[in-house]
Amino acid sequence: MAGVAHSVRREVPRAARGVWRAVAVTLVVLLLSLVGLDFVLRFWAERWLAGRVEQNLALSSPAEVDLEGFPFLLQVASGSFSSVQVRLGEVRSGGFVLDGIEMDLEDVAFSRGALLSGGDADVRVGEGTGRAEVGEAALNEFLHGQGVAVNVDLRGPGIEASTTIEVGGEEATATAIGPLRLRAGALVFEPQRVRVDGSFGVPTASLSFQIDLPPPFTGVRYTGVEVTDGLLVLDAVLRGSAIPLG
């Protein structure tokens, strides 16, 4: 009898180990399935957002969207992404051409139904920062379109502005070098001196300009400007922005 009892006592732990092993395998399979679903849904959401941005802004090159945070499924359930990185190519806004935009966004709210169905939606941004690049040719095209008869050479850290002036039948080129500033969302150039290659002088106002910069969408406010060789770089903040994706 003692031998039988001893045999039973050994079989019970072995059976329990089998149960726990089966439970562990099931949990691992479930976890891997959730991770796989998380990855697939993240990829789908990134492509959905990128496609909608491309369509709404009429982009000529693909948009890139990276959705941060894990697990992604919880963000979908809450209808809010904790962090989103967006990179865009050429964007046209009110005659102003931005050659490239990078945005780091936080607290991005969206419609769960639109995400799952791939339909139209508005994406609302809690806050974020952005950085846009403008080429020299695009800047001059914008200035001329706004009636500013000045040609700008982006030299860094400032600019060289030039224009042709005619006085009394004599034609001369006026040139000024100075910093380009951002004031209340407008590009401002106010040179201190003007150089003229003719026999007459001209006022600094002949080369000064102040031109409003149209934002690519609502809720964007330009905060800074930097000039490098051939390139204008604009810094911006986003608060309460609504980006229509339809």
Protein backbone atom coordinates (compact mmCIF):
# COMPACT_ATOMS: atom_id res chain seq x y z
CA MET A 1 0.00 0.00 0.00
CA ALA A 2 2.82 2.37 0.81
CA GLY A 3 4.24 1.81 -2.68
CA VAL A 4 0.90 2.61 -4.29
CA ALA A 5 0.46 5.79 -2.26
CA HIS A 6 3.96 6.88 -3.16
CA SER A 7 3.19 6.35 -6.88
CA VAL A 8 0.03 8.49 -6.67
CA ARG A 9 1.87 11.32 -4.95
CA ARG A 10 4.38 11.44 -7.82
CA GLU A 11 1.71 11.45 -10.58
CA VAL A 12 -0.15 14.50 -9.22
CA PRO A 13 2.79 16.98 -9.56
CA ARG A 14 3.55 15.63 -13.02
CA ALA A 15 -0.03 16.29 -14.18
CA ALA A 16 0.07 19.76 -12.64
CA ARG A 17 3.26 20.52 -14.49
CA GLY A 18 1.55 19.52 -17.73
CA VAL A 19 -1.33 21.89 -17.05
CA TRP A 20 0.97 24.77 -16.25
CA ARG A 21 3.02 24.03 -19.36
CA ALA A 22 -0.11 24.14 -21.50
CA VAL A 23 -1.17 27.41 -19.87
CA ALA A 24 2.27 28.91 -20.47
CA VAL A 25 2.27 27.87 -24.13
CA THR A 26 -1.22 29.33 -24.57
CA LEU A 27 -0.16 32.62 -23.01
CA VAL A 28 2.93 32.83 -25.21
CA VAL A 29 0.87 32.14 -28.34
CA LEU A 30 -1.69 34.75 -27.26
CA LEU A 31 1.04 37.30 -26.56
CA LEU A 32 2.70 36.70 -29.93
CA SER A 33 -0.69 37.02 -31.64
CA LEU A 34 -1.34 40.34 -29.90
CA VAL A 35 2.14 41.62 -30.83
CA GLY A 36 1.54 40.58 -34.44
CA LEU A 37 -1.87 42.26 -34.48
CA ASP A 38 -0.33 45.35 -32.89
CA PHE A 39 2.30 45.49 -35.63
CA VAL A 40 -0.23 44.99 -38.46
CA LEU A 41 -2.63 47.61 -37.09
CA ARG A 42 0.21 50.11 -36.59
CA PHE A 43 1.34 49.61 -40.19
CA TRP A 44 -2.24 50.04 -41.42
CA ALA A 45 -2.74 53.20 -39.36
CA GLU A 46 0.53 54.73 -40.60
CA ARG A 47 -0.41 54.09 -44.21
CA TRP A 48 -3.96 55.40 -43.65
CA LEU A 49 -2.68 58.65 -42.12
CA ALA A 50 0.02 59.07 -44.77
CA GLY A 51 -2.44 58.47 -47.59
CA ARG A 52 -4.95 60.95 -46.21
CA VAL A 53 -2.28 63.61 -45.72
CA GLU A 54 -1.05 63.10 -49.29
CA GLN A 55 -4.59 63.44 -50.63
CA ASN A 56 -5.60 66.45 -48.54
CA LEU A 57 -2.43 68.46 -49.16
CA ALA A 58 -2.10 67.30 -52.80
CA LEU A 59 1.48 66.18 -52.23
CA SER A 60 3.70 65.31 -55.17
CA SER A 61 5.75 62.86 -53.08
CA PRO A 62 4.78 60.23 -50.47
CA ALA A 63 4.26 61.30 -46.86
CA GLU A 64 5.97 59.39 -44.06
CA VAL A 65 4.15 58.80 -40.77
CA ASP A 66 5.61 57.05 -37.70
CA LEU A 67 3.28 56.23 -34.80
CA GLU A 68 5.08 55.83 -31.50
CA GLY A 69 4.02 54.09 -28.30
CA PHE A 70 3.32 50.51 -27.18
CA PRO A 71 0.99 48.73 -27.01
CA PHE A 72 -0.57 50.32 -30.06
CA LEU A 73 -3.90 48.56 -29.54
CA LEU A 74 -4.54 50.58 -26.39
CA GLN A 75 -4.00 53.81 -28.30
CA VAL A 76 -6.50 52.70 -30.93
CA ALA A 77 -8.99 51.86 -28.19
CA SER A 78 -8.54 55.32 -26.62
CA GLY A 79 -8.73 57.15 -29.97
CA SER A 80 -5.49 59.00 -29.32
CA PHE A 81 -1.86 58.59 -30.39
CA SER A 82 0.67 59.65 -27.77
CA SER A 83 3.35 60.61 -30.30
CA VAL A 84 3.35 60.98 -34.09
CA GLN A 85 6.22 61.91 -36.39
CA VAL A 86 5.35 63.23 -39.86
CA ARG A 87 7.68 63.97 -42.76
CA LEU A 88 6.35 65.61 -45.91
CA GLY A 89 7.87 66.54 -49.24
CA GLU A 90 6.81 69.58 -51.23
CA VAL A 91 3.75 71.35 -49.78
CA ARG A 92 2.01 74.29 -51.47
CA SER A 93 0.04 76.75 -49.37
CA GLY A 94 -1.34 80.02 -50.75
CA GLY A 95 1.36 80.27 -53.40
CA PHE A 96 4.07 79.48 -50.85
CA VAL A 97 6.04 76.31 -51.56
CA LEU A 98 7.59 74.45 -48.63
CA ASP A 99 10.20 72.04 -49.94
CA GLY A 100 10.00 69.78 -46.89
CA ILE A 101 8.26 69.61 -43.50
CA GLU A 102 9.04 67.59 -40.37
CA MET A 103 6.60 67.52 -37.44
CA ASP A 104 6.73 65.94 -33.97
CA LEU A 105 3.17 65.79 -32.65
CA GLU A 106 1.74 64.78 -29.28
CA ASP A 107 -1.77 63.89 -28.10
CA VAL A 108 -3.12 63.29 -31.58
CA ALA A 109 -6.84 62.45 -31.44
CA PHE A 110 -8.63 60.61 -34.24
CA SER A 111 -11.81 58.74 -35.08
CA ARG A 112 -11.55 55.01 -34.35
CA GLY A 113 -14.27 54.29 -36.90
CA ALA A 114 -12.46 56.22 -39.64
CA LEU A 115 -9.21 54.44 -38.84
CA LEU A 116 -10.71 50.96 -38.98
CA SER A 117 -12.79 51.68 -42.07
CA GLY A 118 -10.17 53.81 -43.86
CA GLY A 119 -12.69 56.63 -44.22
CA ASP A 120 -12.52 60.42 -43.94
CA ALA A 121 -11.71 62.03 -40.62
CA ASP A 122 -10.33 65.06 -38.82
CA VAL A 123 -7.15 64.57 -36.83
CA ARG A 124 -6.69 66.96 -33.92
CA VAL A 125 -3.24 67.75 -32.55
CA GLY A 126 -2.81 68.66 -28.89
CA GLU A 127 0.60 70.19 -29.39
CA GLY A 128 3.76 69.75 -31.39
CA THR A 129 6.69 71.32 -33.16
CA GLY A 130 7.52 71.60 -36.82
CA ARG A 131 10.38 72.51 -39.10
CA ALA A 132 9.99 73.51 -42.75
CA GLU A 133 12.52 74.17 -45.50
CA VAL A 134 12.11 76.68 -48.33
CA GLY A 135 14.46 76.81 -51.28
CA GLU A 136 15.81 80.04 -52.75
CA ALA A 137 13.85 79.69 -56.00
CA ALA A 138 10.60 79.00 -54.14
CA LEU A 139 11.12 82.02 -51.89
CA ASN A 140 11.72 84.35 -54.83
CA GLU A 141 8.69 82.97 -56.65
CA PHE A 142 6.54 83.68 -53.59
CA LEU A 143 7.91 87.22 -53.16
CA HIS A 144 7.31 88.07 -56.80
CA GLY A 145 3.81 86.62 -56.61
CA GLN A 146 3.10 88.96 -53.70
CA GLY A 147 4.27 91.98 -55.66
CA VAL A 148 7.72 92.31 -54.05
CA ALA A 149 10.08 93.30 -56.90
CA VAL A 150 13.19 92.04 -55.12
CA ASN A 151 15.47 89.10 -55.86
CA VAL A 152 16.79 87.31 -52.77
CA ASP A 153 20.04 85.41 -52.47
CA LEU A 154 20.10 83.14 -49.40
CA ARG A 155 23.68 83.37 -48.21
CA GLY A 156 23.47 82.58 -44.53
CA PRO A 157 23.27 83.79 -41.88
CA GLY A 158 21.55 86.66 -43.74
CA ILE A 159 20.37 87.42 -47.25
CA GLU A 160 21.36 89.63 -50.14
CA ALA A 161 18.45 91.44 -51.77
CA SER A 162 18.72 93.22 -55.08
CA THR A 163 16.47 95.12 -57.47
CA THR A 164 16.78 97.20 -60.61
CA ILE A 165 15.85 100.89 -60.32
CA GLU A 166 15.53 103.49 -63.08
CA VAL A 167 15.86 107.21 -62.34
CA GLY A 168 15.87 109.88 -65.08
CA GLY A 169 16.49 107.32 -67.78
CA GLU A 170 19.46 105.87 -65.88
CA GLU A 171 19.18 102.27 -64.74
CA ALA A 172 21.09 100.88 -61.80
CA THR A 173 21.11 97.83 -59.55
CA ALA A 174 20.52 98.37 -55.84
CA THR A 175 21.78 95.75 -53.37
CA ALA A 176 21.49 95.30 -49.62
CA ILE A 177 22.74 92.66 -47.20
CA GLY A 178 21.19 91.99 -43.81
CA PRO A 179 19.30 89.57 -41.56
CA LEU A 180 15.92 88.08 -42.39
CA ARG A 181 13.57 88.13 -39.39
CA LEU A 182 10.24 86.65 -38.46
CA ARG A 183 7.72 89.03 -36.93
CA ALA A 184 4.16 87.93 -36.07
CA GLY A 185 4.18 85.26 -38.75
CA ALA A 186 5.68 87.53 -41.42
CA LEU A 187 9.10 87.55 -43.08
CA VAL A 188 10.73 90.93 -42.55
CA PHE A 189 13.78 92.42 -44.25
CA GLU A 190 14.88 95.89 -43.17
CA PRO A 191 18.37 96.72 -44.44
CA GLN A 192 20.42 99.48 -42.85
CA ARG A 193 22.33 100.41 -46.00
CA VAL A 194 21.77 100.08 -49.73
CA ARG A 195 24.56 99.90 -52.30
CA VAL A 196 23.87 101.27 -55.80
CA ASP A 197 26.08 100.77 -58.84
CA GLY A 198 24.86 104.03 -60.41
CA SER A 199 25.30 107.74 -59.83
CA PHE A 200 22.24 108.19 -57.63
CA GLY A 201 21.21 106.96 -54.22
CA VAL A 202 18.03 105.13 -53.20
CA PRO A 203 16.25 104.79 -49.85
CA THR A 204 16.48 101.55 -47.87
CA ALA A 205 12.71 101.17 -48.28
CA SER A 206 13.27 100.27 -51.93
CA LEU A 207 14.61 96.90 -50.80
CA SER A 208 12.67 96.44 -47.57
CA PHE A 209 9.75 94.05 -47.44
CA GLN A 210 7.36 92.42 -44.97
CA ILE A 211 5.34 89.49 -46.23
CA ASP A 212 2.93 87.20 -44.37
CA LEU A 213 3.66 83.47 -44.53
CA PRO A 214 0.56 81.30 -45.03
CA PRO A 215 0.61 78.23 -42.74
CA PRO A 216 0.05 74.81 -44.38
CA PHE A 217 -3.03 74.25 -42.16
CA THR A 218 -4.80 75.85 -39.19
CA GLY A 219 -3.16 75.87 -35.78
CA VAL A 220 0.38 76.32 -37.13
CA ARG A 221 2.34 79.34 -35.92
CA TYR A 222 5.81 80.13 -37.25
CA THR A 223 8.21 80.97 -34.43
CA GLY A 224 11.67 81.33 -35.93
CA VAL A 225 13.68 81.60 -39.13
CA GLU A 226 17.21 80.55 -40.04
CA VAL A 227 19.08 81.23 -43.27
CA THR A 228 21.72 78.87 -44.62
CA ASP A 229 23.34 78.81 -48.04
CA GLY A 230 20.47 78.47 -50.50
CA LEU A 231 17.92 77.44 -47.89
CA LEU A 232 15.42 79.07 -45.56
CA VAL A 233 14.46 77.05 -42.45
CA LEU A 234 11.28 77.90 -40.54
CA ASP A 235 10.44 76.69 -37.02
CA ALA A 236 6.82 76.37 -35.96
CA VAL A 237 4.60 75.23 -33.10
CA LEU A 238 1.25 73.48 -33.39
CA ARG A 239 -1.47 73.77 -30.76
CA GLY A 240 -5.05 72.70 -31.20
CA SER A 241 -4.49 72.09 -34.90
CA ALA A 242 -7.23 70.38 -36.88
CA ILE A 243 -5.94 68.50 -39.92
CA PRO A 244 -8.76 67.47 -42.29
CA LEU A 245 -8.08 64.06 -43.80
CA GLY A 246 -10.83 63.68 -46.34
